Amino acid sequence: MTELSQIDLRSLAEGHKRTWDAFVLAASPLINAVVRRTLSIYRLSEDDVMDAAQDVFVRLCANNFRLLKTYDPARAGLSTWLAVVARSAAVDFARRRRQATAPIDEVPESALAVEDRHVEKLKIPEGLLTERQTLILKCLYDEERDVAEIAQLLKIDAQTVRSTHHKALLRLREHFKGEAP
C-alpha cells in the first residue's frame, strides 16, 4: 500500500487515474477519521459520515483539481493539510444537513412570543429637527420602515435618507448630552 508521502503530487494534480487511486487508498483512513471525529458532535448516521468523507475527495478533484493544486508543502505536511480540508468539508456538510429539531407547528405559542417592550417615546423639543428629519425618524422608528422604502415614499435617494437620519441623531445627541445622568 502506498503512503501519502510517496504520492507524486504533480501527477495527482494532473489527474492521472493510477495516482488518484493510490492517493484515495492512502488518504482514506486519515480523511475518514477526521470526518468521523468532526461529525461526532452532530450525531449523524454512518452513511452521512461516509458521504461527508466522499465530499472531501469531490472537493479535492473538483474544477480540475483546483483545491489540490493550492497545497503548499512549504506551509504544512500533506496529512496536516488534508486534515484541515477534511474538517472544513465535514463542518460544511453538517451545516447543510442541519435540520430543525421540531416543526414550527409543534412549538407552543408561548415559546414563540415576542417580549412586549413598552418603549417610552422621546419628546423632541419643537424646532430642534427639520420637518424632513422628524419625518424620517418617525418612518424609521415609529413605523419601522427600511431606508429603501422611505426613499421611495419620499421620492429621494436612499443615501439622503441615511444622511438625514445621521444628522438628526447628531442633533439629538448634542441636545440631550447635558441631560444624561
N, C-alpha and C. Protein backbone atom coordinates (compact mmCIF):
# COMPACT_ATOMS: atom_id res chain seq x y z
N MET A 1 0.84 -1.18 0.00
CA MET A 1 0.00 0.00 0.00
C MET A 1 0.88 1.24 0.00
N THR A 2 0.52 2.21 -0.82
CA THR A 2 1.28 3.45 -0.95
C THR A 2 0.96 4.38 0.22
N GLU A 3 1.98 5.09 0.71
CA GLU A 3 1.79 6.06 1.78
C GLU A 3 1.61 7.44 1.18
N LEU A 4 1.00 8.33 1.94
CA LEU A 4 0.76 9.68 1.44
C LEU A 4 2.06 10.36 1.01
N SER A 5 3.12 10.14 1.75
CA SER A 5 4.40 10.77 1.42
C SER A 5 4.98 10.28 0.10
N GLN A 6 4.50 9.14 -0.39
CA GLN A 6 5.01 8.58 -1.64
C GLN A 6 4.20 9.02 -2.87
N ILE A 7 3.14 9.78 -2.67
CA ILE A 7 2.29 10.20 -3.78
C ILE A 7 2.98 11.30 -4.56
N ASP A 8 2.99 11.16 -5.88
CA ASP A 8 3.53 12.19 -6.77
C ASP A 8 2.45 13.27 -6.94
N LEU A 9 2.64 14.38 -6.24
CA LEU A 9 1.62 15.44 -6.23
C LEU A 9 1.40 16.07 -7.60
N ARG A 10 2.44 16.17 -8.37
CA ARG A 10 2.28 16.75 -9.72
C ARG A 10 1.40 15.85 -10.58
N SER A 11 1.66 14.56 -10.54
CA SER A 11 0.87 13.59 -11.29
C SER A 11 -0.57 13.57 -10.78
N LEU A 12 -0.72 13.71 -9.47
CA LEU A 12 -2.05 13.73 -8.86
C LEU A 12 -2.84 14.95 -9.34
N ALA A 13 -2.21 16.12 -9.32
CA ALA A 13 -2.88 17.36 -9.73
C ALA A 13 -3.19 17.37 -11.22
N GLU A 14 -2.47 16.57 -11.98
CA GLU A 14 -2.74 16.47 -13.42
C GLU A 14 -3.86 15.49 -13.71
N GLY A 15 -4.32 14.77 -12.67
CA GLY A 15 -5.47 13.91 -12.82
C GLY A 15 -5.18 12.50 -13.32
N HIS A 16 -3.96 12.02 -13.14
CA HIS A 16 -3.65 10.65 -13.56
C HIS A 16 -4.40 9.66 -12.67
N LYS A 17 -5.13 8.76 -13.31
CA LYS A 17 -6.02 7.85 -12.59
C LYS A 17 -5.28 6.96 -11.60
N ARG A 18 -4.16 6.37 -11.99
CA ARG A 18 -3.43 5.48 -11.07
C ARG A 18 -2.95 6.23 -9.83
N THR A 19 -2.47 7.43 -10.04
CA THR A 19 -2.01 8.24 -8.91
C THR A 19 -3.19 8.60 -8.01
N TRP A 20 -4.32 8.97 -8.64
CA TRP A 20 -5.51 9.31 -7.87
C TRP A 20 -5.98 8.11 -7.03
N ASP A 21 -6.01 6.93 -7.65
CA ASP A 21 -6.44 5.72 -6.94
C ASP A 21 -5.52 5.44 -5.74
N ALA A 22 -4.22 5.59 -5.95
CA ALA A 22 -3.26 5.36 -4.86
C ALA A 22 -3.46 6.41 -3.76
N PHE A 23 -3.72 7.64 -4.17
CA PHE A 23 -3.96 8.72 -3.21
C PHE A 23 -5.21 8.44 -2.38
N VAL A 24 -6.28 8.02 -3.03
CA VAL A 24 -7.53 7.73 -2.31
C VAL A 24 -7.29 6.62 -1.29
N LEU A 25 -6.59 5.57 -1.68
CA LEU A 25 -6.30 4.49 -0.74
C LEU A 25 -5.46 4.97 0.44
N ALA A 26 -4.47 5.82 0.16
CA ALA A 26 -3.58 6.28 1.22
C ALA A 26 -4.26 7.33 2.12
N ALA A 27 -5.09 8.18 1.55
CA ALA A 27 -5.68 9.29 2.31
C ALA A 27 -6.98 8.91 3.01
N SER A 28 -7.65 7.86 2.56
CA SER A 28 -8.96 7.50 3.12
C SER A 28 -8.95 7.30 4.63
N PRO A 29 -8.00 6.58 5.21
CA PRO A 29 -8.04 6.40 6.67
C PRO A 29 -7.97 7.74 7.43
N LEU A 30 -7.11 8.63 6.98
CA LEU A 30 -6.97 9.93 7.63
C LEU A 30 -8.25 10.75 7.46
N ILE A 31 -8.73 10.85 6.24
CA ILE A 31 -9.92 11.66 5.96
C ILE A 31 -11.14 11.10 6.69
N ASN A 32 -11.30 9.79 6.66
CA ASN A 32 -12.44 9.18 7.36
C ASN A 32 -12.37 9.46 8.87
N ALA A 33 -11.18 9.37 9.45
CA ALA A 33 -11.03 9.60 10.89
C ALA A 33 -11.34 11.05 11.25
N VAL A 34 -10.84 11.99 10.47
CA VAL A 34 -11.07 13.41 10.75
C VAL A 34 -12.55 13.74 10.60
N VAL A 35 -13.16 13.24 9.53
CA VAL A 35 -14.59 13.50 9.30
C VAL A 35 -15.42 12.88 10.42
N ARG A 36 -15.11 11.66 10.80
CA ARG A 36 -15.86 10.98 11.86
C ARG A 36 -15.75 11.75 13.17
N ARG A 37 -14.54 12.17 13.50
CA ARG A 37 -14.32 12.92 14.75
C ARG A 37 -15.04 14.28 14.69
N THR A 38 -14.98 14.96 13.56
CA THR A 38 -15.63 16.27 13.42
C THR A 38 -17.14 16.16 13.51
N LEU A 39 -17.71 15.11 12.92
CA LEU A 39 -19.16 14.96 12.88
C LEU A 39 -19.73 14.26 14.11
N SER A 40 -18.87 13.78 15.01
CA SER A 40 -19.36 13.05 16.17
C SER A 40 -20.31 13.89 17.03
N ILE A 41 -20.10 15.20 17.08
CA ILE A 41 -20.98 16.05 17.89
C ILE A 41 -22.33 16.28 17.24
N TYR A 42 -22.45 16.00 15.94
CA TYR A 42 -23.70 16.23 15.22
C TYR A 42 -24.62 15.02 15.24
N ARG A 43 -24.13 13.90 15.71
CA ARG A 43 -24.91 12.66 15.80
C ARG A 43 -25.53 12.27 14.46
N LEU A 44 -24.70 12.25 13.44
CA LEU A 44 -25.16 11.83 12.11
C LEU A 44 -24.95 10.34 11.95
N SER A 45 -25.64 9.76 10.99
CA SER A 45 -25.53 8.32 10.74
C SER A 45 -24.18 8.00 10.10
N GLU A 46 -23.84 6.72 10.09
CA GLU A 46 -22.59 6.27 9.47
C GLU A 46 -22.61 6.58 7.97
N ASP A 47 -23.78 6.45 7.35
CA ASP A 47 -23.89 6.79 5.92
C ASP A 47 -23.58 8.26 5.69
N ASP A 48 -24.05 9.13 6.59
CA ASP A 48 -23.76 10.56 6.47
C ASP A 48 -22.26 10.82 6.62
N VAL A 49 -21.63 10.12 7.54
CA VAL A 49 -20.20 10.28 7.75
C VAL A 49 -19.44 9.87 6.49
N MET A 50 -19.84 8.77 5.88
CA MET A 50 -19.17 8.31 4.66
C MET A 50 -19.44 9.28 3.50
N ASP A 51 -20.65 9.83 3.44
CA ASP A 51 -20.97 10.82 2.41
C ASP A 51 -20.10 12.06 2.59
N ALA A 52 -19.92 12.48 3.83
CA ALA A 52 -19.10 13.66 4.11
C ALA A 52 -17.64 13.39 3.73
N ALA A 53 -17.15 12.19 3.99
CA ALA A 53 -15.78 11.84 3.61
C ALA A 53 -15.65 11.85 2.08
N GLN A 54 -16.68 11.36 1.41
CA GLN A 54 -16.67 11.37 -0.06
C GLN A 54 -16.65 12.81 -0.57
N ASP A 55 -17.35 13.70 0.13
CA ASP A 55 -17.35 15.12 -0.26
C ASP A 55 -15.95 15.71 -0.24
N VAL A 56 -15.10 15.24 0.67
CA VAL A 56 -13.73 15.74 0.73
C VAL A 56 -13.01 15.42 -0.59
N PHE A 57 -13.15 14.20 -1.04
CA PHE A 57 -12.49 13.80 -2.28
C PHE A 57 -13.08 14.55 -3.48
N VAL A 58 -14.38 14.77 -3.45
CA VAL A 58 -15.02 15.53 -4.53
C VAL A 58 -14.45 16.95 -4.55
N ARG A 59 -14.30 17.56 -3.38
CA ARG A 59 -13.72 18.90 -3.30
C ARG A 59 -12.31 18.94 -3.86
N LEU A 60 -11.55 17.92 -3.52
CA LEU A 60 -10.15 17.90 -3.95
C LEU A 60 -9.99 17.80 -5.46
N CYS A 61 -10.90 17.10 -6.11
CA CYS A 61 -10.73 16.93 -7.56
C CYS A 61 -11.65 17.84 -8.39
N ALA A 62 -12.51 18.60 -7.72
CA ALA A 62 -13.42 19.50 -8.45
C ALA A 62 -12.64 20.59 -9.17
N ASN A 63 -13.25 21.08 -10.23
CA ASN A 63 -12.66 22.18 -11.02
C ASN A 63 -11.22 21.91 -11.41
N ASN A 64 -11.00 20.72 -11.98
CA ASN A 64 -9.68 20.34 -12.45
C ASN A 64 -8.64 20.36 -11.32
N PHE A 65 -9.02 19.81 -10.17
CA PHE A 65 -8.14 19.67 -9.00
C PHE A 65 -7.67 21.03 -8.46
N ARG A 66 -8.53 22.03 -8.55
CA ARG A 66 -8.16 23.39 -8.13
C ARG A 66 -7.72 23.44 -6.66
N LEU A 67 -8.50 22.83 -5.75
CA LEU A 67 -8.14 22.85 -4.34
C LEU A 67 -6.84 22.10 -4.09
N LEU A 68 -6.69 20.97 -4.71
CA LEU A 68 -5.48 20.16 -4.53
C LEU A 68 -4.24 20.93 -4.98
N LYS A 69 -4.39 21.72 -6.02
CA LYS A 69 -3.26 22.50 -6.53
C LYS A 69 -2.86 23.62 -5.58
N THR A 70 -3.70 23.95 -4.59
CA THR A 70 -3.35 25.01 -3.64
C THR A 70 -2.44 24.49 -2.52
N TYR A 71 -2.27 23.18 -2.43
CA TYR A 71 -1.43 22.62 -1.39
C TYR A 71 0.01 23.12 -1.56
N ASP A 72 0.58 23.63 -0.47
CA ASP A 72 1.95 24.14 -0.46
C ASP A 72 2.76 23.35 0.56
N PRO A 73 3.66 22.48 0.11
CA PRO A 73 4.45 21.66 1.03
C PRO A 73 5.32 22.49 1.98
N ALA A 74 5.61 23.73 1.63
CA ALA A 74 6.43 24.58 2.50
C ALA A 74 5.64 25.05 3.73
N ARG A 75 4.32 25.04 3.64
CA ARG A 75 3.49 25.55 4.73
C ARG A 75 3.02 24.46 5.68
N ALA A 76 2.81 23.23 5.16
CA ALA A 76 2.32 22.14 6.01
C ALA A 76 2.55 20.81 5.32
N GLY A 77 2.56 19.76 6.13
CA GLY A 77 2.66 18.42 5.56
C GLY A 77 1.34 18.07 4.89
N LEU A 78 1.38 17.12 3.97
CA LEU A 78 0.17 16.74 3.23
C LEU A 78 -0.91 16.23 4.17
N SER A 79 -0.54 15.43 5.15
CA SER A 79 -1.55 14.89 6.06
C SER A 79 -2.19 16.00 6.90
N THR A 80 -1.42 16.98 7.32
CA THR A 80 -1.97 18.10 8.09
C THR A 80 -2.93 18.90 7.22
N TRP A 81 -2.51 19.18 5.99
CA TRP A 81 -3.34 19.95 5.06
C TRP A 81 -4.64 19.18 4.77
N LEU A 82 -4.54 17.89 4.54
CA LEU A 82 -5.73 17.08 4.27
C LEU A 82 -6.67 17.07 5.48
N ALA A 83 -6.11 17.04 6.68
CA ALA A 83 -6.94 17.05 7.88
C ALA A 83 -7.72 18.36 7.98
N VAL A 84 -7.09 19.48 7.65
CA VAL A 84 -7.77 20.78 7.67
C VAL A 84 -8.88 20.81 6.62
N VAL A 85 -8.58 20.34 5.42
CA VAL A 85 -9.58 20.30 4.35
C VAL A 85 -10.74 19.39 4.75
N ALA A 86 -10.43 18.23 5.32
CA ALA A 86 -11.46 17.27 5.71
C ALA A 86 -12.35 17.84 6.81
N ARG A 87 -11.76 18.50 7.78
CA ARG A 87 -12.55 19.10 8.86
C ARG A 87 -13.47 20.18 8.31
N SER A 88 -12.95 21.03 7.47
CA SER A 88 -13.75 22.10 6.86
C SER A 88 -14.91 21.54 6.05
N ALA A 89 -14.62 20.53 5.25
CA ALA A 89 -15.67 19.90 4.43
C ALA A 89 -16.72 19.23 5.31
N ALA A 90 -16.29 18.61 6.41
CA ALA A 90 -17.22 17.94 7.31
C ALA A 90 -18.15 18.95 7.99
N VAL A 91 -17.60 20.06 8.43
CA VAL A 91 -18.43 21.09 9.06
C VAL A 91 -19.42 21.65 8.05
N ASP A 92 -18.97 21.90 6.83
CA ASP A 92 -19.89 22.37 5.78
C ASP A 92 -20.99 21.35 5.52
N PHE A 93 -20.63 20.08 5.51
CA PHE A 93 -21.61 19.01 5.30
C PHE A 93 -22.65 19.03 6.41
N ALA A 94 -22.19 19.15 7.65
CA ALA A 94 -23.11 19.16 8.80
C ALA A 94 -24.03 20.37 8.74
N ARG A 95 -23.51 21.50 8.35
CA ARG A 95 -24.34 22.70 8.25
C ARG A 95 -25.43 22.53 7.19
N ARG A 96 -25.07 21.91 6.09
CA ARG A 96 -26.08 21.67 5.04
C ARG A 96 -27.14 20.68 5.52
N ARG A 97 -26.74 19.74 6.37
CA ARG A 97 -27.67 18.71 6.86
C ARG A 97 -28.49 19.13 8.07
N ARG A 98 -28.09 20.25 8.69
CA ARG A 98 -28.76 20.67 9.92
C ARG A 98 -30.26 20.84 9.66
N GLN A 99 -31.04 20.23 10.52
CA GLN A 99 -32.49 20.30 10.38
C GLN A 99 -33.08 20.86 11.65
N ALA A 100 -34.24 21.45 11.53
CA ALA A 100 -34.93 21.96 12.71
C ALA A 100 -35.25 20.80 13.63
N THR A 101 -35.18 21.03 14.92
CA THR A 101 -35.42 19.96 15.87
C THR A 101 -36.90 19.67 16.04
N ALA A 102 -37.76 20.65 15.74
CA ALA A 102 -39.20 20.45 15.85
C ALA A 102 -39.90 21.33 14.83
N PRO A 103 -40.94 20.79 14.19
CA PRO A 103 -41.69 21.63 13.25
C PRO A 103 -42.30 22.81 14.00
N ILE A 104 -42.37 23.93 13.34
CA ILE A 104 -42.86 25.15 13.98
C ILE A 104 -44.28 25.00 14.51
N ASP A 105 -45.09 24.16 13.86
CA ASP A 105 -46.47 23.96 14.31
C ASP A 105 -46.54 23.26 15.67
N GLU A 106 -45.48 22.53 16.01
CA GLU A 106 -45.47 21.80 17.26
C GLU A 106 -44.88 22.60 18.42
N VAL A 107 -44.33 23.77 18.14
CA VAL A 107 -43.75 24.60 19.19
C VAL A 107 -44.87 25.40 19.84
N PRO A 108 -44.97 25.38 21.17
CA PRO A 108 -46.03 26.14 21.84
C PRO A 108 -45.90 27.63 21.53
N GLU A 109 -47.05 28.27 21.39
CA GLU A 109 -47.05 29.68 21.03
C GLU A 109 -46.33 30.53 22.06
N SER A 110 -46.37 30.12 23.31
CA SER A 110 -45.69 30.90 24.34
C SER A 110 -44.18 30.94 24.11
N ALA A 111 -43.65 29.89 23.50
CA ALA A 111 -42.21 29.86 23.22
C ALA A 111 -41.85 30.79 22.06
N LEU A 112 -42.82 31.09 21.23
CA LEU A 112 -42.58 31.96 20.08
C LEU A 112 -42.92 33.41 20.37
N ALA A 113 -43.53 33.65 21.51
CA ALA A 113 -43.98 35.01 21.84
C ALA A 113 -42.81 35.97 21.92
N VAL A 114 -43.04 37.16 21.43
CA VAL A 114 -42.04 38.21 21.48
C VAL A 114 -42.33 39.08 22.69
N GLU A 115 -41.29 39.40 23.41
CA GLU A 115 -41.44 40.22 24.60
C GLU A 115 -42.03 41.57 24.22
N ASP A 116 -43.04 41.98 24.95
CA ASP A 116 -43.67 43.27 24.70
C ASP A 116 -42.85 44.33 25.41
N ARG A 117 -42.10 45.06 24.63
CA ARG A 117 -41.27 46.09 25.22
C ARG A 117 -41.96 47.43 25.03
N HIS A 118 -42.44 47.95 26.11
CA HIS A 118 -43.07 49.26 26.04
C HIS A 118 -41.95 50.29 26.12
N VAL A 119 -41.75 50.97 25.04
CA VAL A 119 -40.69 51.96 24.99
C VAL A 119 -41.33 53.34 25.01
N GLU A 120 -40.91 54.11 25.96
CA GLU A 120 -41.42 55.46 26.06
C GLU A 120 -40.84 56.29 24.92
N LYS A 121 -41.70 56.99 24.22
CA LYS A 121 -41.24 57.79 23.09
C LYS A 121 -40.50 59.02 23.59
N LEU A 122 -39.48 59.35 22.85
CA LEU A 122 -38.67 60.50 23.18
C LEU A 122 -39.42 61.77 22.80
N LYS A 123 -39.43 62.72 23.69
CA LYS A 123 -40.06 64.01 23.42
C LYS A 123 -39.01 64.90 22.78
N ILE A 124 -39.21 65.19 21.51
CA ILE A 124 -38.26 66.02 20.78
C ILE A 124 -38.71 67.47 20.88
N PRO A 125 -37.85 68.33 21.40
CA PRO A 125 -38.22 69.74 21.53
C PRO A 125 -38.58 70.36 20.17
N GLU A 126 -39.57 71.19 20.18
CA GLU A 126 -40.05 71.86 18.98
C GLU A 126 -38.91 72.66 18.34
N GLY A 127 -38.75 72.52 17.04
CA GLY A 127 -37.77 73.30 16.29
C GLY A 127 -36.35 72.75 16.34
N LEU A 128 -36.12 71.66 17.07
CA LEU A 128 -34.77 71.09 17.14
C LEU A 128 -34.39 70.43 15.82
N LEU A 129 -35.35 69.70 15.23
CA LEU A 129 -35.11 69.00 13.97
C LEU A 129 -35.92 69.64 12.85
N THR A 130 -35.44 69.44 11.63
CA THR A 130 -36.21 69.92 10.48
C THR A 130 -37.41 69.00 10.29
N GLU A 131 -38.36 69.44 9.47
CA GLU A 131 -39.53 68.60 9.20
C GLU A 131 -39.11 67.28 8.57
N ARG A 132 -38.16 67.34 7.65
CA ARG A 132 -37.71 66.12 6.97
C ARG A 132 -37.05 65.18 7.97
N GLN A 133 -36.21 65.69 8.85
CA GLN A 133 -35.56 64.85 9.85
C GLN A 133 -36.60 64.18 10.75
N THR A 134 -37.58 64.95 11.20
CA THR A 134 -38.63 64.41 12.05
C THR A 134 -39.41 63.32 11.32
N LEU A 135 -39.75 63.56 10.05
CA LEU A 135 -40.49 62.58 9.25
C LEU A 135 -39.68 61.30 9.07
N ILE A 136 -38.41 61.44 8.78
CA ILE A 136 -37.56 60.25 8.57
C ILE A 136 -37.41 59.46 9.87
N LEU A 137 -37.24 60.13 10.99
CA LEU A 137 -37.16 59.42 12.27
C LEU A 137 -38.47 58.70 12.57
N LYS A 138 -39.59 59.36 12.28
CA LYS A 138 -40.90 58.74 12.52
C LYS A 138 -41.05 57.48 11.65
N CYS A 139 -40.66 57.58 10.39
CA CYS A 139 -40.77 56.42 9.49
C CYS A 139 -39.85 55.29 9.94
N LEU A 140 -38.63 55.62 10.33
CA LEU A 140 -37.67 54.60 10.73
C LEU A 140 -38.04 53.92 12.04
N TYR A 141 -38.41 54.71 13.05
CA TYR A 141 -38.58 54.16 14.39
C TYR A 141 -40.03 53.87 14.77
N ASP A 142 -40.94 54.76 14.43
CA ASP A 142 -42.33 54.53 14.81
C ASP A 142 -43.00 53.53 13.86
N GLU A 143 -42.73 53.68 12.56
CA GLU A 143 -43.38 52.82 11.56
C GLU A 143 -42.50 51.64 11.16
N GLU A 144 -41.26 51.62 11.64
CA GLU A 144 -40.30 50.55 11.37
C GLU A 144 -40.14 50.27 9.89
N ARG A 145 -40.04 51.29 9.11
CA ARG A 145 -39.80 51.15 7.66
C ARG A 145 -38.29 51.09 7.43
N ASP A 146 -37.90 50.47 6.30
CA ASP A 146 -36.48 50.45 6.00
C ASP A 146 -36.12 51.65 5.10
N VAL A 147 -34.83 51.88 4.95
CA VAL A 147 -34.33 53.06 4.24
C VAL A 147 -34.84 53.11 2.80
N ALA A 148 -34.80 51.98 2.11
CA ALA A 148 -35.24 51.95 0.71
C ALA A 148 -36.72 52.31 0.59
N GLU A 149 -37.50 51.83 1.51
CA GLU A 149 -38.94 52.11 1.50
C GLU A 149 -39.21 53.60 1.73
N ILE A 150 -38.48 54.18 2.67
CA ILE A 150 -38.65 55.60 2.95
C ILE A 150 -38.20 56.44 1.76
N ALA A 151 -37.10 56.05 1.15
CA ALA A 151 -36.60 56.78 -0.02
C ALA A 151 -37.63 56.77 -1.14
N GLN A 152 -38.24 55.63 -1.37
CA GLN A 152 -39.27 55.52 -2.41
C GLN A 152 -40.49 56.35 -2.03
N LEU A 153 -40.89 56.30 -0.79
CA LEU A 153 -42.06 57.03 -0.31
C LEU A 153 -41.87 58.55 -0.46
N LEU A 154 -40.68 59.02 -0.09
CA LEU A 154 -40.41 60.46 -0.14
C LEU A 154 -39.84 60.92 -1.48
N LYS A 155 -39.60 59.96 -2.37
CA LYS A 155 -39.04 60.24 -3.70
C LYS A 155 -37.68 60.95 -3.59
N ILE A 156 -36.85 60.37 -2.72
CA ILE A 156 -35.48 60.86 -2.55
C ILE A 156 -34.54 59.67 -2.60
N ASP A 157 -33.27 59.96 -2.68
CA ASP A 157 -32.25 58.92 -2.74
C ASP A 157 -32.09 58.26 -1.36
N ALA A 158 -31.80 56.96 -1.34
CA ALA A 158 -31.61 56.24 -0.08
C ALA A 158 -30.47 56.85 0.74
N GLN A 159 -29.43 57.32 0.06
CA GLN A 159 -28.31 57.96 0.77
C GLN A 159 -28.77 59.23 1.48
N THR A 160 -29.73 59.94 0.89
CA THR A 160 -30.27 61.14 1.52
C THR A 160 -31.00 60.77 2.81
N VAL A 161 -31.72 59.66 2.78
CA VAL A 161 -32.41 59.20 3.99
C VAL A 161 -31.39 58.90 5.08
N ARG A 162 -30.33 58.17 4.72
CA ARG A 162 -29.30 57.82 5.71
C ARG A 162 -28.60 59.07 6.26
N SER A 163 -28.28 59.99 5.38
CA SER A 163 -27.61 61.22 5.78
C SER A 163 -28.50 62.07 6.69
N THR A 164 -29.77 62.20 6.33
CA THR A 164 -30.71 62.97 7.14
C THR A 164 -30.89 62.33 8.50
N HIS A 165 -30.97 61.02 8.53
CA HIS A 165 -31.09 60.26 9.78
C HIS A 165 -29.87 60.53 10.66
N HIS A 166 -28.69 60.46 10.06
CA HIS A 166 -27.45 60.67 10.79
C HIS A 166 -27.40 62.08 11.38
N LYS A 167 -27.74 63.08 10.58
CA LYS A 167 -27.71 64.46 11.05
C LYS A 167 -28.73 64.69 12.18
N ALA A 168 -29.89 64.06 12.07
CA ALA A 168 -30.90 64.18 13.12
C ALA A 168 -30.38 63.57 14.42
N LEU A 169 -29.74 62.42 14.34
CA LEU A 169 -29.20 61.79 15.54
C LEU A 169 -28.10 62.63 16.17
N LEU A 170 -27.26 63.24 15.33
CA LEU A 170 -26.22 64.11 15.87
C LEU A 170 -26.83 65.28 16.64
N ARG A 171 -27.88 65.88 16.08
CA ARG A 171 -28.56 67.00 16.76
C ARG A 171 -29.17 66.53 18.08
N LEU A 172 -29.82 65.37 18.06
CA LEU A 172 -30.44 64.85 19.28
C LEU A 172 -29.38 64.54 20.35
N ARG A 173 -28.28 63.95 19.95
CA ARG A 173 -27.22 63.63 20.91
C ARG A 173 -26.66 64.90 21.54
N GLU A 174 -26.43 65.87 20.69
CA GLU A 174 -25.89 67.13 21.17
C GLU A 174 -26.87 67.79 22.16
N HIS A 175 -28.14 67.78 21.83
CA HIS A 175 -29.16 68.41 22.68
C HIS A 175 -29.29 67.70 24.03
N PHE A 176 -29.32 66.35 23.98
CA PHE A 176 -29.55 65.59 25.21
C PHE A 176 -28.27 65.23 25.96
N LYS A 177 -27.13 65.63 25.44
CA LYS A 177 -25.85 65.28 26.07
C LYS A 177 -25.79 65.77 27.52
N GLY A 178 -26.26 66.95 27.79
CA GLY A 178 -26.21 67.51 29.12
C GLY A 178 -27.21 66.90 30.08
N GLU A 179 -28.21 66.18 29.58
CA GLU A 179 -29.26 65.61 30.43
C GLU A 179 -28.95 64.20 30.92
N ALA A 180 -27.87 63.60 30.44
CA ALA A 180 -27.53 62.23 30.84
C ALA A 180 -27.18 62.19 32.32
N PRO A 181 -27.61 61.12 33.04
CA PRO A 181 -27.35 61.04 34.50
C PRO A 181 -25.88 60.85 34.79
